[in-house]
Amino acid sequence: MNLNEIKESITKISEKSNKKFNSKLKFIFDDGVIFIDDTKDKIDINNSDCKAECSIKISNDNFHKLIKKELNVSLALINGDIIIEGDMSIAIKIAELFE
């Protein structure tokens, strides 16, 4: 998956979900960044490298596995395939969106 395909996937997931995490989150991928601002009435998803309360570094391939439910998140965290910086509670809320 490239960055545009990932952004489309995140947009679709957010549109289907009625859950809010009321924070700013940044995914850092191999080929760029996706910034999610869920502090407003309408969620904003863009490619700006803005300051976020939580940053998740993950490869494009592992993100693809994550949305297909082929990635064990616990093992990926232990192995360093996913790196979370900042507010861990936001990352937990995000994980609920992928269930």
N, C-alpha and C. Protein backbone atom coordinates (compact mmCIF):
# COMPACT_ATOMS: atom_id res chain seq x y z
N MET A 1 0.84 -1.19 0.00
CA MET A 1 0.00 0.00 0.00
C MET A 1 0.88 1.24 0.00
N ASN A 2 0.51 2.20 -0.81
CA ASN A 2 1.23 3.47 -0.77
C ASN A 2 0.49 4.44 0.16
N LEU A 3 1.05 5.59 0.37
CA LEU A 3 0.51 6.56 1.32
C LEU A 3 -0.92 6.98 0.97
N ASN A 4 -1.21 7.18 -0.30
CA ASN A 4 -2.56 7.57 -0.70
C ASN A 4 -3.58 6.48 -0.42
N GLU A 5 -3.20 5.23 -0.67
CA GLU A 5 -4.09 4.11 -0.38
C GLU A 5 -4.34 3.98 1.12
N ILE A 6 -3.30 4.21 1.91
CA ILE A 6 -3.44 4.16 3.36
C ILE A 6 -4.37 5.27 3.83
N LYS A 7 -4.19 6.46 3.29
CA LYS A 7 -5.04 7.59 3.68
C LYS A 7 -6.51 7.29 3.34
N GLU A 8 -6.75 6.70 2.19
CA GLU A 8 -8.12 6.32 1.81
C GLU A 8 -8.69 5.30 2.79
N SER A 9 -7.86 4.33 3.19
CA SER A 9 -8.30 3.31 4.15
C SER A 9 -8.65 3.93 5.50
N ILE A 10 -7.81 4.83 5.97
CA ILE A 10 -8.07 5.50 7.25
C ILE A 10 -9.34 6.33 7.16
N THR A 11 -9.54 7.01 6.04
CA THR A 11 -10.74 7.82 5.85
C THR A 11 -11.99 6.94 5.88
N LYS A 12 -11.96 5.80 5.20
CA LYS A 12 -13.10 4.88 5.20
C LYS A 12 -13.38 4.34 6.59
N ILE A 13 -12.32 3.97 7.32
CA ILE A 13 -12.49 3.46 8.68
C ILE A 13 -13.12 4.53 9.57
N SER A 14 -12.66 5.76 9.44
CA SER A 14 -13.20 6.85 10.28
C SER A 14 -14.66 7.14 9.92
N GLU A 15 -15.02 7.02 8.65
CA GLU A 15 -16.39 7.28 8.23
C GLU A 15 -17.34 6.20 8.74
N LYS A 16 -16.87 4.96 8.83
CA LYS A 16 -17.70 3.85 9.30
C LYS A 16 -17.85 3.85 10.81
N SER A 17 -16.89 4.42 11.51
CA SER A 17 -16.88 4.37 12.96
C SER A 17 -17.64 5.55 13.56
N ASN A 18 -18.33 5.27 14.65
CA ASN A 18 -19.00 6.35 15.36
C ASN A 18 -18.20 6.74 16.61
N LYS A 19 -17.00 6.18 16.75
CA LYS A 19 -16.15 6.46 17.90
C LYS A 19 -15.26 7.66 17.62
N LYS A 20 -15.04 8.47 18.64
CA LYS A 20 -14.12 9.60 18.54
C LYS A 20 -13.01 9.39 19.56
N PHE A 21 -11.83 9.86 19.21
CA PHE A 21 -10.73 9.79 20.18
C PHE A 21 -10.32 11.17 20.66
N ASN A 22 -10.95 12.22 20.10
CA ASN A 22 -10.79 13.60 20.56
C ASN A 22 -9.34 14.02 20.79
N SER A 23 -8.49 13.70 19.86
CA SER A 23 -7.05 14.01 19.97
C SER A 23 -6.46 14.20 18.59
N LYS A 24 -5.17 14.53 18.60
CA LYS A 24 -4.41 14.65 17.36
C LYS A 24 -3.40 13.51 17.33
N LEU A 25 -3.40 12.79 16.21
CA LEU A 25 -2.58 11.59 16.05
C LEU A 25 -1.83 11.67 14.74
N LYS A 26 -0.62 11.14 14.74
CA LYS A 26 0.18 11.13 13.52
C LYS A 26 0.70 9.72 13.28
N PHE A 27 0.46 9.20 12.07
CA PHE A 27 1.07 7.95 11.62
C PHE A 27 2.28 8.32 10.78
N ILE A 28 3.40 7.69 11.06
CA ILE A 28 4.62 7.93 10.29
C ILE A 28 4.90 6.66 9.50
N PHE A 29 4.84 6.78 8.16
CA PHE A 29 5.02 5.63 7.27
C PHE A 29 6.34 5.73 6.52
N ASP A 30 6.61 4.71 5.71
CA ASP A 30 7.84 4.68 4.91
C ASP A 30 7.92 5.88 3.96
N ASP A 31 6.78 6.27 3.41
CA ASP A 31 6.77 7.29 2.36
C ASP A 31 6.03 8.57 2.75
N GLY A 32 5.87 8.81 4.05
CA GLY A 32 5.24 10.06 4.46
C GLY A 32 4.47 9.95 5.76
N VAL A 33 3.63 10.94 5.99
CA VAL A 33 2.91 11.09 7.25
C VAL A 33 1.42 11.25 6.97
N ILE A 34 0.62 10.70 7.87
CA ILE A 34 -0.81 10.98 7.86
C ILE A 34 -1.16 11.52 9.24
N PHE A 35 -1.71 12.73 9.25
CA PHE A 35 -2.07 13.42 10.48
C PHE A 35 -3.59 13.39 10.61
N ILE A 36 -4.06 13.01 11.79
CA ILE A 36 -5.50 12.91 12.04
C ILE A 36 -5.84 13.85 13.20
N ASP A 37 -6.72 14.79 12.94
CA ASP A 37 -7.18 15.71 13.97
C ASP A 37 -8.65 15.42 14.25
N ASP A 38 -8.90 14.82 15.40
CA ASP A 38 -10.27 14.45 15.78
C ASP A 38 -10.75 15.35 16.93
N THR A 39 -10.25 16.59 16.98
CA THR A 39 -10.64 17.52 18.04
C THR A 39 -11.75 18.46 17.58
N LYS A 40 -12.12 18.37 16.32
CA LYS A 40 -13.13 19.25 15.75
C LYS A 40 -14.43 18.48 15.51
N ASP A 41 -15.45 19.17 15.05
CA ASP A 41 -16.72 18.50 14.75
C ASP A 41 -16.54 17.44 13.66
N LYS A 42 -15.75 17.79 12.63
CA LYS A 42 -15.49 16.85 11.53
C LYS A 42 -14.01 16.48 11.57
N ILE A 43 -13.75 15.19 11.50
CA ILE A 43 -12.37 14.71 11.55
C ILE A 43 -11.60 15.21 10.33
N ASP A 44 -10.36 15.62 10.55
CA ASP A 44 -9.49 16.12 9.47
C ASP A 44 -8.34 15.12 9.31
N ILE A 45 -8.21 14.59 8.11
CA ILE A 45 -7.14 13.64 7.79
C ILE A 45 -6.34 14.23 6.65
N ASN A 46 -5.05 14.47 6.89
CA ASN A 46 -4.22 15.07 5.85
C ASN A 46 -2.79 14.55 5.95
N ASN A 47 -1.92 15.08 5.10
CA ASN A 47 -0.53 14.63 5.06
C ASN A 47 0.43 15.63 5.68
N SER A 48 -0.06 16.52 6.52
CA SER A 48 0.79 17.50 7.19
C SER A 48 1.56 16.85 8.33
N ASP A 49 2.80 17.25 8.47
CA ASP A 49 3.63 16.73 9.56
C ASP A 49 3.48 17.68 10.76
N CYS A 50 2.30 17.66 11.37
CA CYS A 50 1.98 18.54 12.49
C CYS A 50 2.28 17.86 13.82
N LYS A 51 2.33 18.67 14.86
CA LYS A 51 2.55 18.15 16.21
C LYS A 51 1.30 17.39 16.64
N ALA A 52 1.52 16.19 17.19
CA ALA A 52 0.41 15.35 17.63
C ALA A 52 0.66 14.88 19.06
N GLU A 53 -0.43 14.54 19.72
CA GLU A 53 -0.32 14.03 21.09
C GLU A 53 0.21 12.59 21.11
N CYS A 54 0.05 11.90 19.99
CA CYS A 54 0.54 10.53 19.87
C CYS A 54 1.03 10.32 18.44
N SER A 55 2.19 9.69 18.31
CA SER A 55 2.74 9.33 16.99
C SER A 55 2.95 7.83 16.94
N ILE A 56 2.55 7.25 15.82
CA ILE A 56 2.72 5.81 15.62
C ILE A 56 3.55 5.60 14.37
N LYS A 57 4.72 5.00 14.55
CA LYS A 57 5.58 4.71 13.41
C LYS A 57 5.36 3.26 13.02
N ILE A 58 5.00 3.06 11.75
CA ILE A 58 4.69 1.72 11.25
C ILE A 58 4.99 1.69 9.75
N SER A 59 5.47 0.58 9.26
CA SER A 59 5.74 0.47 7.82
C SER A 59 4.42 0.35 7.06
N ASN A 60 4.45 0.70 5.80
CA ASN A 60 3.27 0.58 4.95
C ASN A 60 2.77 -0.86 4.94
N ASP A 61 3.69 -1.81 4.82
CA ASP A 61 3.33 -3.22 4.77
C ASP A 61 2.66 -3.67 6.06
N ASN A 62 3.21 -3.26 7.20
CA ASN A 62 2.62 -3.66 8.47
C ASN A 62 1.26 -3.00 8.70
N PHE A 63 1.07 -1.78 8.21
CA PHE A 63 -0.23 -1.14 8.32
C PHE A 63 -1.25 -1.92 7.49
N HIS A 64 -0.85 -2.34 6.30
CA HIS A 64 -1.73 -3.15 5.45
C HIS A 64 -2.13 -4.43 6.19
N LYS A 65 -1.18 -5.08 6.84
CA LYS A 65 -1.47 -6.29 7.61
C LYS A 65 -2.39 -5.97 8.79
N LEU A 66 -2.21 -4.81 9.39
CA LEU A 66 -3.03 -4.40 10.52
C LEU A 66 -4.50 -4.27 10.12
N ILE A 67 -4.77 -3.59 9.02
CA ILE A 67 -6.17 -3.41 8.63
C ILE A 67 -6.80 -4.70 8.10
N LYS A 68 -5.96 -5.64 7.66
CA LYS A 68 -6.47 -6.94 7.23
C LYS A 68 -6.55 -7.93 8.39
N LYS A 69 -6.19 -7.45 9.60
CA LYS A 69 -6.18 -8.26 10.82
C LYS A 69 -5.21 -9.44 10.72
N GLU A 70 -4.09 -9.21 10.03
CA GLU A 70 -3.05 -10.22 9.87
C GLU A 70 -1.82 -9.91 10.72
N LEU A 71 -1.89 -8.85 11.53
CA LEU A 71 -0.75 -8.42 12.33
C LEU A 71 -1.10 -8.53 13.81
N ASN A 72 -0.26 -9.23 14.55
CA ASN A 72 -0.41 -9.29 16.00
C ASN A 72 0.25 -8.04 16.56
N VAL A 73 -0.57 -7.11 17.05
CA VAL A 73 -0.08 -5.82 17.49
C VAL A 73 0.88 -5.95 18.66
N SER A 74 0.58 -6.83 19.59
CA SER A 74 1.46 -7.01 20.75
C SER A 74 2.86 -7.45 20.32
N LEU A 75 2.92 -8.43 19.43
CA LEU A 75 4.23 -8.89 18.95
C LEU A 75 4.92 -7.80 18.14
N ALA A 76 4.17 -7.08 17.35
CA ALA A 76 4.75 -5.99 16.55
C ALA A 76 5.35 -4.91 17.44
N LEU A 77 4.69 -4.62 18.55
CA LEU A 77 5.23 -3.64 19.50
C LEU A 77 6.50 -4.15 20.15
N ILE A 78 6.48 -5.41 20.56
CA ILE A 78 7.66 -6.02 21.20
C ILE A 78 8.84 -6.05 20.24
N ASN A 79 8.57 -6.39 18.97
CA ASN A 79 9.63 -6.50 17.97
C ASN A 79 10.08 -5.15 17.41
N GLY A 80 9.40 -4.09 17.78
CA GLY A 80 9.75 -2.77 17.27
C GLY A 80 9.21 -2.48 15.88
N ASP A 81 8.27 -3.31 15.41
CA ASP A 81 7.65 -3.09 14.10
C ASP A 81 6.64 -1.95 14.16
N ILE A 82 6.15 -1.66 15.36
CA ILE A 82 5.29 -0.50 15.62
C ILE A 82 5.92 0.24 16.79
N ILE A 83 6.13 1.53 16.62
CA ILE A 83 6.71 2.35 17.69
C ILE A 83 5.71 3.45 18.01
N ILE A 84 5.35 3.54 19.29
CA ILE A 84 4.39 4.55 19.74
C ILE A 84 5.10 5.54 20.62
N GLU A 85 4.92 6.82 20.30
CA GLU A 85 5.48 7.90 21.12
C GLU A 85 4.35 8.81 21.55
N GLY A 86 4.39 9.23 22.79
CA GLY A 86 3.36 10.14 23.29
C GLY A 86 2.32 9.42 24.12
N ASP A 87 1.11 9.92 24.06
CA ASP A 87 0.01 9.45 24.89
C ASP A 87 -0.48 8.07 24.43
N MET A 88 -0.14 7.05 25.21
CA MET A 88 -0.50 5.67 24.87
C MET A 88 -2.02 5.46 24.87
N SER A 89 -2.76 6.22 25.66
CA SER A 89 -4.22 6.04 25.71
C SER A 89 -4.85 6.35 24.36
N ILE A 90 -4.26 7.26 23.60
CA ILE A 90 -4.77 7.58 22.26
C ILE A 90 -4.55 6.39 21.33
N ALA A 91 -3.39 5.77 21.43
CA ALA A 91 -3.10 4.59 20.60
C ALA A 91 -4.08 3.47 20.90
N ILE A 92 -4.47 3.32 22.15
CA ILE A 92 -5.44 2.29 22.52
C ILE A 92 -6.80 2.61 21.90
N LYS A 93 -7.19 3.88 21.93
CA LYS A 93 -8.47 4.27 21.31
C LYS A 93 -8.44 4.02 19.81
N ILE A 94 -7.30 4.28 19.18
CA ILE A 94 -7.16 4.05 17.74
C ILE A 94 -7.29 2.57 17.43
N ALA A 95 -6.70 1.73 18.26
CA ALA A 95 -6.77 0.28 18.05
C ALA A 95 -8.22 -0.19 18.00
N GLU A 96 -9.09 0.45 18.78
CA GLU A 96 -10.51 0.08 18.77
C GLU A 96 -11.15 0.35 17.42
N LEU A 97 -10.66 1.33 16.68
CA LEU A 97 -11.22 1.64 15.37
C LEU A 97 -10.93 0.54 14.36
N PHE A 98 -9.86 -0.22 14.58
CA PHE A 98 -9.47 -1.27 13.64
C PHE A 98 -10.06 -2.63 13.98
N GLU A 99 -10.87 -2.68 15.04
CA GLU A 99 -11.49 -3.96 15.43
C GLU A 99 -12.66 -4.30 14.56
